[in-house]
């Protein structure tokens, strides 16, 4: 049998051989840094490393070491959970670039500027005041050419007053979420379809880019125009998710959602774009982050729970429920809206499992700084 020698094949074989045969020499992290950074700077082909802040180089080496350790631990079974793949080295041609500096590699100036080692003072448009002294900063260059500084700070939980209400959330495409409250209410969260609004313009720009010569200046300009539109879509979606998540967390002591397999859902080519545009995974993550900060609970129920096929009135389960069916009548006589019925069942199932849920932590949290409100950038729209 002949194995085609592609770069991806060689990468996987290399990772597998390291995992199977092991490393003949155990090298400490300090020795790795000395060989990869200190010694490399003395060679003519790597002399340019001296122009880069050593803190950023050390962080990159640590990230690579951690990625390989996680891969090997996952391969041998020492690391539980989702399988971790072999690390991929970043390319300087990647559209998104970033580097991280710890506290001794940056300084916040009194005039509002940010000093970065080996770079100097950088003007910053601050979106909010930092709640505490940052321990590190990650500078990110987005595909649209904009630069962002993301700070890691330590914040204390700020619990909200206890709310008497709980809710179940059914995520969807026609409506981003249908919410059933323990008080018997219903809330429909609209799906703005941010990508759909920009789709016509994006298609025009993509056609324009395809007519440009590869490697040309005009093609690069058009590619940046496309990235700018995608950036606007991403920021608007993130801003909307923050606002809706904050409203749910403020009004409900516990929020129950399905443990959706988004990766499996997007395999449906008819709905893949709409599901990706809705951003179910990010919305749930934001809900969990805000719940942890404000002393609330987000509980996920089993993804195989038949929330749509189960009658919330009598408990009968229908044999099938195609996506085209938006409302149905049970044998008991109850008439159900598909999404609202699912939200009711999610709420009931979540409350039934509540006794098995673990309490939230009370120790200070270490995470990227987030504001009290939803907006993450001044021009989120």
Protein backbone atom coordinates (compact mmCIF):
# COMPACT_ATOMS: atom_id res chain seq x y z
CA UNK A 1 0.00 0.00 0.00
CA UNK A 2 1.33 3.41 -0.98
CA UNK A 3 0.85 6.38 1.33
CA UNK A 4 0.56 9.74 -0.40
CA UNK A 5 3.15 12.05 1.13
CA UNK A 6 1.17 15.21 1.74
CA UNK A 7 2.09 17.81 4.39
CA UNK A 8 -0.93 16.76 6.48
CA UNK A 9 0.04 13.08 6.25
CA UNK A 10 3.63 13.84 7.28
CA UNK A 11 2.38 15.92 10.22
CA UNK A 12 0.14 13.13 11.50
CA UNK A 13 2.82 10.47 11.06
CA UNK A 14 5.29 12.66 12.93
CA UNK A 15 2.87 13.16 15.82
CA UNK A 16 2.04 9.45 15.93
CA UNK A 17 5.70 8.41 15.93
CA UNK A 18 6.46 10.75 18.82
CA UNK A 19 3.52 9.38 20.79
CA UNK A 20 4.40 5.73 20.12
CA UNK A 21 8.17 5.74 20.43
CA UNK A 22 8.38 8.46 23.06
CA UNK A 23 11.09 11.04 23.43
CA UNK A 24 14.53 9.65 24.13
CA UNK A 25 15.58 12.77 26.03
CA UNK A 26 13.46 14.55 28.63
CA UNK A 27 14.04 18.28 28.30
CA UNK A 28 12.95 20.75 30.94
CA UNK A 29 10.95 23.82 29.88
CA UNK A 30 13.92 26.02 30.77
CA UNK A 31 16.22 24.02 28.50
CA UNK A 32 13.65 24.17 25.69
CA UNK A 33 13.55 27.95 25.97
CA UNK A 34 17.36 28.13 25.95
CA UNK A 35 17.64 26.05 22.79
CA UNK A 36 14.73 27.55 20.88
CA UNK A 37 15.17 31.19 21.88
CA UNK A 38 18.58 31.99 23.36
CA UNK A 39 20.71 29.80 21.10
CA UNK A 40 18.58 30.52 18.04
CA UNK A 41 19.22 34.26 18.37
CA UNK A 42 22.95 33.65 17.82
CA UNK A 43 22.41 32.05 14.39
CA UNK A 44 22.28 34.24 11.26
CA UNK A 45 18.96 32.80 10.06
CA UNK A 46 17.28 33.45 13.45
CA UNK A 47 18.96 36.72 14.40
CA UNK A 48 15.66 38.55 13.82
CA UNK A 49 14.34 36.98 17.04
CA UNK A 50 16.34 39.63 18.89
CA UNK A 51 13.96 42.26 17.53
CA UNK A 52 11.01 40.61 19.29
CA UNK A 53 10.16 40.92 22.98
CA UNK A 54 11.57 37.90 24.81
CA UNK A 55 8.37 37.68 26.89
CA UNK A 56 6.32 36.99 23.75
CA UNK A 57 8.80 34.32 22.62
CA UNK A 58 8.69 32.60 26.01
CA UNK A 59 4.88 32.56 25.97
CA UNK A 60 4.88 31.02 22.48
CA UNK A 61 7.26 28.26 23.60
CA UNK A 62 5.10 27.58 26.66
CA UNK A 63 1.97 27.42 24.51
CA UNK A 64 3.63 24.92 22.16
CA UNK A 65 4.85 22.82 25.11
CA UNK A 66 1.36 22.80 26.65
CA UNK A 67 -0.28 21.90 23.33
CA UNK A 68 2.01 18.90 22.82
CA UNK A 69 1.54 17.78 26.43
CA UNK A 70 -2.24 17.95 26.07
CA UNK A 71 -2.07 15.97 22.83
CA UNK A 72 0.07 13.20 24.34
CA UNK A 73 -2.04 13.06 27.52
CA UNK A 74 -5.19 12.79 25.41
CA UNK A 75 -3.66 10.07 23.25
CA UNK A 76 -2.58 7.97 26.25
CA UNK A 77 -5.83 8.50 28.16
CA UNK A 78 -4.42 10.62 30.97
CA UNK A 79 -6.50 13.57 29.77
CA UNK A 80 -10.24 12.98 29.90
CA UNK A 81 -12.90 14.58 27.75
CA UNK A 82 -12.85 15.46 24.09
CA UNK A 83 -9.84 14.15 22.17
CA UNK A 84 -7.10 16.71 21.54
CA UNK A 85 -5.49 16.68 18.11
CA UNK A 86 -1.85 17.09 17.17
CA UNK A 87 -0.74 20.74 17.45
CA UNK A 88 -0.66 22.79 14.27
CA UNK A 89 1.98 25.45 13.89
CA UNK A 90 0.69 28.85 12.88
CA UNK A 91 1.68 30.44 9.60
CA UNK A 92 2.68 34.04 9.11
CA UNK A 93 0.13 34.03 6.30
CA UNK A 94 -2.76 33.35 8.69
CA UNK A 95 -5.41 36.05 8.63
CA UNK A 96 -5.56 36.25 12.43
CA UNK A 97 -2.34 36.85 14.35
CA UNK A 98 -1.72 37.38 18.06
CA UNK A 99 0.96 37.49 20.73
CA UNK A 100 0.80 37.56 24.52
CA UNK A 101 2.81 39.54 27.06
CA UNK A 102 2.91 39.02 30.81
CA UNK A 103 3.13 41.83 33.36
CA UNK A 104 6.83 42.56 32.80
CA UNK A 105 6.28 43.03 29.06
CA UNK A 106 3.75 45.88 29.06
CA UNK A 107 2.80 49.00 31.01
CA UNK A 108 -0.34 51.13 31.18
CA UNK A 109 0.65 54.78 30.84
CA UNK A 110 -1.14 57.56 32.79
CA UNK A 111 -2.05 59.21 29.46
CA UNK A 112 -4.04 56.12 28.43
CA UNK A 113 -1.44 54.66 26.11
CA UNK A 114 -0.21 51.08 26.24
CA UNK A 115 3.53 50.42 26.30
CA UNK A 116 4.58 47.14 24.66
CA UNK A 117 8.12 45.81 25.00
CA UNK A 118 10.26 46.32 21.86
CA UNK A 119 7.37 48.26 20.26
CA UNK A 120 6.85 51.33 22.41
CA UNK A 121 3.77 53.37 23.29
CA UNK A 122 0.59 52.49 21.40
CA UNK A 123 -2.56 54.60 21.28
CA UNK A 124 -5.62 52.73 22.52
CA UNK A 125 -9.33 53.45 22.21
CA UNK A 126 -10.60 52.06 25.49
CA UNK A 127 -14.03 50.40 25.51
CA UNK A 128 -14.20 50.39 29.33
CA UNK A 129 -12.11 50.87 32.45
CA UNK A 130 -10.23 47.82 33.67
CA UNK A 131 -11.65 46.53 36.98
CA UNK A 132 -8.19 45.67 38.34
CA UNK A 133 -4.52 45.58 37.40
CA UNK A 134 -4.09 43.23 34.40
CA UNK A 135 -1.75 40.26 34.66
CA UNK A 136 -1.29 39.83 30.90
CA UNK A 137 -2.33 41.29 27.58
CA UNK A 138 -2.94 39.59 24.24
CA UNK A 139 -2.58 41.77 21.15
CA UNK A 140 -4.72 40.46 18.30
CA UNK A 141 -4.73 41.46 14.65
CA UNK A 142 -8.04 40.59 13.05
CA UNK A 143 -8.38 39.75 9.33
CA UNK A 144 -9.87 43.20 8.68
CA UNK A 145 -6.59 44.82 9.78
CA UNK A 146 -7.84 46.10 13.15
CA UNK A 147 -5.79 45.50 16.30
CA UNK A 148 -7.29 44.66 19.69
CA UNK A 149 -5.78 44.39 23.17
CA UNK A 150 -7.38 41.77 25.42
CA UNK A 151 -6.43 42.01 29.11
CA UNK A 152 -6.64 39.28 31.75
CA UNK A 153 -7.75 40.66 35.11
CA UNK A 154 -8.96 39.18 38.38
CA UNK A 155 -12.55 40.01 39.24
CA UNK A 156 -14.72 39.01 42.16
CA UNK A 157 -18.17 37.53 41.57
CA UNK A 158 -20.94 40.13 41.88
CA UNK A 159 -24.07 38.10 42.74
CA UNK A 160 -27.42 39.58 41.80
CA UNK A 161 -30.40 39.47 44.19
CA UNK A 162 -32.04 36.05 44.22
CA UNK A 163 -34.74 35.76 41.54
CA UNK A 164 -37.83 33.64 42.05
CA UNK A 165 -38.13 32.78 38.37
CA UNK A 166 -36.46 30.06 36.31
CA UNK A 167 -36.67 29.41 32.59
CA UNK A 168 -36.13 26.84 29.87
CA UNK A 169 -34.59 27.93 26.57
CA UNK A 170 -35.15 26.26 23.20
CA UNK A 171 -32.68 27.50 20.59
CA UNK A 172 -33.73 27.71 16.97
CA UNK A 173 -33.19 29.29 13.57
CA UNK A 174 -36.47 31.09 12.88
CA UNK A 175 -36.29 32.49 16.41
CA UNK A 176 -32.94 32.57 18.16
CA UNK A 177 -34.57 31.38 21.38
CA UNK A 178 -38.02 30.56 22.72
CA UNK A 179 -38.13 30.96 26.50
CA UNK A 180 -40.66 29.34 28.84
CA UNK A 181 -40.62 30.78 32.37
CA UNK A 182 -41.61 29.06 35.60
CA UNK A 183 -44.30 31.75 36.01
CA UNK A 184 -46.00 30.46 32.86
CA UNK A 185 -44.79 33.22 30.56
CA UNK A 186 -43.29 33.03 27.10
CA UNK A 187 -40.52 35.14 25.58
CA UNK A 188 -39.53 35.02 21.92
CA UNK A 189 -35.98 36.19 21.18
CA UNK A 190 -35.74 37.28 17.55
CA UNK A 191 -32.95 36.06 15.29
CA UNK A 192 -31.47 39.15 13.55
CA UNK A 193 -29.64 36.96 10.98
CA UNK A 194 -26.61 39.24 10.91
CA UNK A 195 -24.88 37.29 8.14
CA UNK A 196 -28.03 37.21 6.00
CA UNK A 197 -28.15 41.01 6.04
CA UNK A 198 -24.63 41.25 4.65
CA UNK A 199 -24.84 38.26 2.31
CA UNK A 200 -25.67 40.21 -0.84
CA UNK A 201 -22.77 42.61 -0.30
CA UNK A 202 -20.40 39.76 0.55
CA UNK A 203 -21.30 37.91 -2.63
CA UNK A 204 -20.61 41.00 -4.69
CA UNK A 205 -17.22 41.48 -3.02
CA UNK A 206 -16.34 37.81 -3.49
CA UNK A 207 -17.09 38.08 -7.21
CA UNK A 208 -14.97 41.22 -7.35
CA UNK A 209 -12.11 39.43 -5.57
CA UNK A 210 -12.27 36.46 -7.94
CA UNK A 211 -11.65 38.81 -10.87
CA UNK A 212 -8.48 40.21 -9.32
CA UNK A 213 -5.08 38.73 -10.11
CA UNK A 214 -3.72 36.49 -7.38
CA UNK A 215 -0.96 38.16 -5.40
CA UNK A 216 -1.95 41.60 -6.66
CA UNK A 217 -2.53 44.74 -4.60
CA UNK A 218 -6.13 45.10 -5.75
CA UNK A 219 -6.92 41.54 -4.68
CA UNK A 220 -5.48 42.27 -1.23
CA UNK A 221 -7.64 45.40 -0.97
CA UNK A 222 -10.77 43.48 -1.91
CA UNK A 223 -9.89 40.69 0.51
CA UNK A 224 -9.67 43.28 3.30
CA UNK A 225 -13.11 44.65 2.30
CA UNK A 226 -14.52 41.14 2.68
CA UNK A 227 -12.84 40.77 6.07
CA UNK A 228 -14.27 44.12 7.22
CA UNK A 229 -17.82 42.96 6.44
CA UNK A 230 -17.27 39.65 8.24
CA UNK A 231 -15.87 41.58 11.21
CA UNK A 232 -19.00 43.73 11.38
CA UNK A 233 -21.17 40.61 11.32
CA UNK A 234 -19.15 38.96 14.08
CA UNK A 235 -19.17 42.02 16.36
CA UNK A 236 -22.90 42.64 15.87
CA UNK A 237 -23.67 38.99 16.64
CA UNK A 238 -21.47 39.01 19.74
CA UNK A 239 -23.04 42.23 20.99
CA UNK A 240 -26.56 40.84 20.50
CA UNK A 241 -25.68 37.60 22.30
CA UNK A 242 -24.30 39.51 25.28
CA UNK A 243 -27.45 41.62 25.58
CA UNK A 244 -29.86 38.68 25.36
CA UNK A 245 -27.79 36.54 27.72
CA UNK A 246 -27.60 39.34 30.28
CA UNK A 247 -31.39 39.80 30.17
CA UNK A 248 -31.96 36.07 30.79
CA UNK A 249 -29.44 35.93 33.63
CA UNK A 250 -30.84 39.01 35.37
CA UNK A 251 -34.45 37.80 35.30
CA UNK A 252 -33.92 34.11 36.12
CA UNK A 253 -32.19 32.31 38.96
CA UNK A 254 -31.63 29.25 36.77
CA UNK A 255 -31.53 28.87 32.99
CA UNK A 256 -31.96 25.44 31.41
CA UNK A 257 -30.76 24.73 27.86
CA UNK A 258 -30.16 21.68 25.70
CA UNK A 259 -26.61 20.34 25.33
CA UNK A 260 -26.61 20.83 21.56
CA UNK A 261 -24.10 19.21 19.21
CA UNK A 262 -23.52 22.19 16.93
CA UNK A 263 -20.82 20.33 14.99
CA UNK A 264 -23.35 17.64 14.11
CA UNK A 265 -26.10 20.15 13.30
CA UNK A 266 -24.04 22.02 10.71
CA UNK A 267 -23.62 18.81 8.71
CA UNK A 268 -27.09 19.53 7.37
CA UNK A 269 -26.10 21.52 4.30
CA UNK A 270 -29.54 23.13 4.05
CA UNK A 271 -29.31 24.64 7.53
CA UNK A 272 -25.54 24.91 8.04
CA UNK A 273 -25.30 28.62 7.20
CA UNK A 274 -28.35 29.56 9.28
CA UNK A 275 -27.12 27.55 12.28
CA UNK A 276 -23.64 29.06 12.06
CA UNK A 277 -25.13 32.55 11.74
CA UNK A 278 -27.26 32.01 14.86
CA UNK A 279 -24.19 31.11 16.94
CA UNK A 280 -25.79 28.68 19.41
CA UNK A 281 -22.49 27.61 20.94
CA UNK A 282 -21.28 31.13 21.64
CA UNK A 283 -24.63 32.15 23.16
CA UNK A 284 -24.53 29.22 25.60
CA UNK A 285 -20.91 30.00 26.55
CA UNK A 286 -21.82 33.63 27.24
CA UNK A 287 -24.76 32.47 29.36
CA UNK A 288 -22.42 30.26 31.40
CA UNK A 289 -19.89 33.07 31.88
CA UNK A 290 -22.50 35.55 33.04
CA UNK A 291 -24.16 32.98 35.30
CA UNK A 292 -20.81 32.30 36.98
CA UNK A 293 -20.20 36.00 37.47
CA UNK A 294 -23.65 36.94 38.77
CA UNK A 295 -24.35 33.91 40.95
CA UNK A 296 -26.86 32.22 38.66
CA UNK A 297 -27.08 28.65 37.35
CA UNK A 298 -27.00 27.39 33.76
CA UNK A 299 -27.85 23.71 33.48
CA UNK A 300 -27.60 21.63 30.31
CA UNK A 301 -29.98 18.74 29.78
CA UNK A 302 -29.23 15.64 27.73
CA UNK A 303 -29.04 16.36 24.01
CA UNK A 304 -31.08 13.19 23.34
CA UNK A 305 -33.98 14.38 25.48
CA UNK A 306 -37.09 14.45 23.18
CA UNK A 307 -38.07 18.01 24.03
CA UNK A 308 -39.94 18.65 20.77
CA UNK A 309 -41.76 15.29 20.60
CA UNK A 310 -42.84 15.22 24.25
CA UNK A 311 -46.25 16.62 25.18
CA UNK A 312 -45.75 19.06 28.04
CA UNK A 313 -49.35 18.46 29.19
CA UNK A 314 -49.66 14.67 29.41
CA UNK A 315 -46.10 13.40 28.83
CA UNK A 316 -46.86 11.38 25.70
CA UNK A 317 -44.00 11.09 23.20
CA UNK A 318 -44.72 11.34 19.47
CA UNK A 319 -43.06 8.82 17.17
CA UNK A 320 -41.64 11.46 14.84
CA UNK A 321 -41.56 15.24 14.56
CA UNK A 322 -40.12 16.57 11.27
CA UNK A 323 -38.67 20.08 11.27
CA UNK A 324 -41.45 21.23 8.95
CA UNK A 325 -44.03 20.65 11.71
CA UNK A 326 -44.22 23.92 13.66
CA UNK A 327 -47.39 23.15 15.64
CA UNK A 328 -49.17 19.92 16.52
CA UNK A 329 -52.07 18.51 18.53
CA UNK A 330 -51.55 15.75 21.08
CA UNK A 331 -54.02 12.89 21.59
CA UNK A 332 -54.90 14.46 24.94
CA UNK A 333 -56.24 17.49 23.07
CA UNK A 334 -53.41 19.90 23.89
CA UNK A 335 -52.34 22.13 21.00
CA UNK A 336 -48.61 22.91 21.02
CA UNK A 337 -46.32 25.39 19.35
CA UNK A 338 -43.26 23.28 18.62
CA UNK A 339 -40.65 25.65 20.09
CA UNK A 340 -42.66 26.75 23.13
CA UNK A 341 -43.52 23.14 23.96
CA UNK A 342 -39.83 22.23 23.74
CA UNK A 343 -38.92 25.13 26.06
CA UNK A 344 -41.53 23.96 28.59
CA UNK A 345 -40.12 20.42 28.52
CA UNK A 346 -36.56 21.71 28.88
CA UNK A 347 -37.63 23.72 31.93
CA UNK A 348 -39.37 20.72 33.50
CA UNK A 349 -36.45 18.37 32.80
CA UNK A 350 -33.93 20.86 34.14
CA UNK A 351 -35.84 21.44 37.35
CA UNK A 352 -36.14 17.67 37.82
CA UNK A 353 -32.35 17.32 37.56
CA UNK A 354 -31.68 20.33 39.77
CA UNK A 355 -30.94 18.24 42.85
CA UNK A 356 -27.95 16.70 41.05
CA UNK A 357 -26.47 20.06 40.00
CA UNK A 358 -23.31 21.32 41.69
CA UNK A 359 -23.17 24.71 43.35
CA UNK A 360 -21.28 27.61 41.81
CA UNK A 361 -17.78 28.46 43.00
CA UNK A 362 -17.09 31.40 45.28
CA UNK A 363 -13.38 32.00 44.57
CA UNK A 364 -12.26 35.00 42.48
CA UNK A 365 -12.40 34.43 38.75
CA UNK A 366 -9.54 34.91 36.30
CA UNK A 367 -10.76 35.70 32.81
CA UNK A 368 -10.59 38.23 30.03
CA UNK A 369 -12.23 41.44 31.26
CA UNK A 370 -15.87 41.87 30.30
CA UNK A 371 -18.11 44.85 30.92
CA UNK A 372 -21.29 45.00 32.96
CA UNK A 373 -23.24 45.50 29.75
CA UNK A 374 -23.19 43.61 26.51
CA UNK A 375 -21.16 45.85 24.23
CA UNK A 376 -17.60 44.73 23.59
CA UNK A 377 -16.53 47.38 21.11
CA UNK A 378 -17.77 50.93 20.53
CA UNK A 379 -18.76 50.08 16.94
CA UNK A 380 -20.36 46.70 17.60
CA UNK A 381 -23.09 47.32 15.03
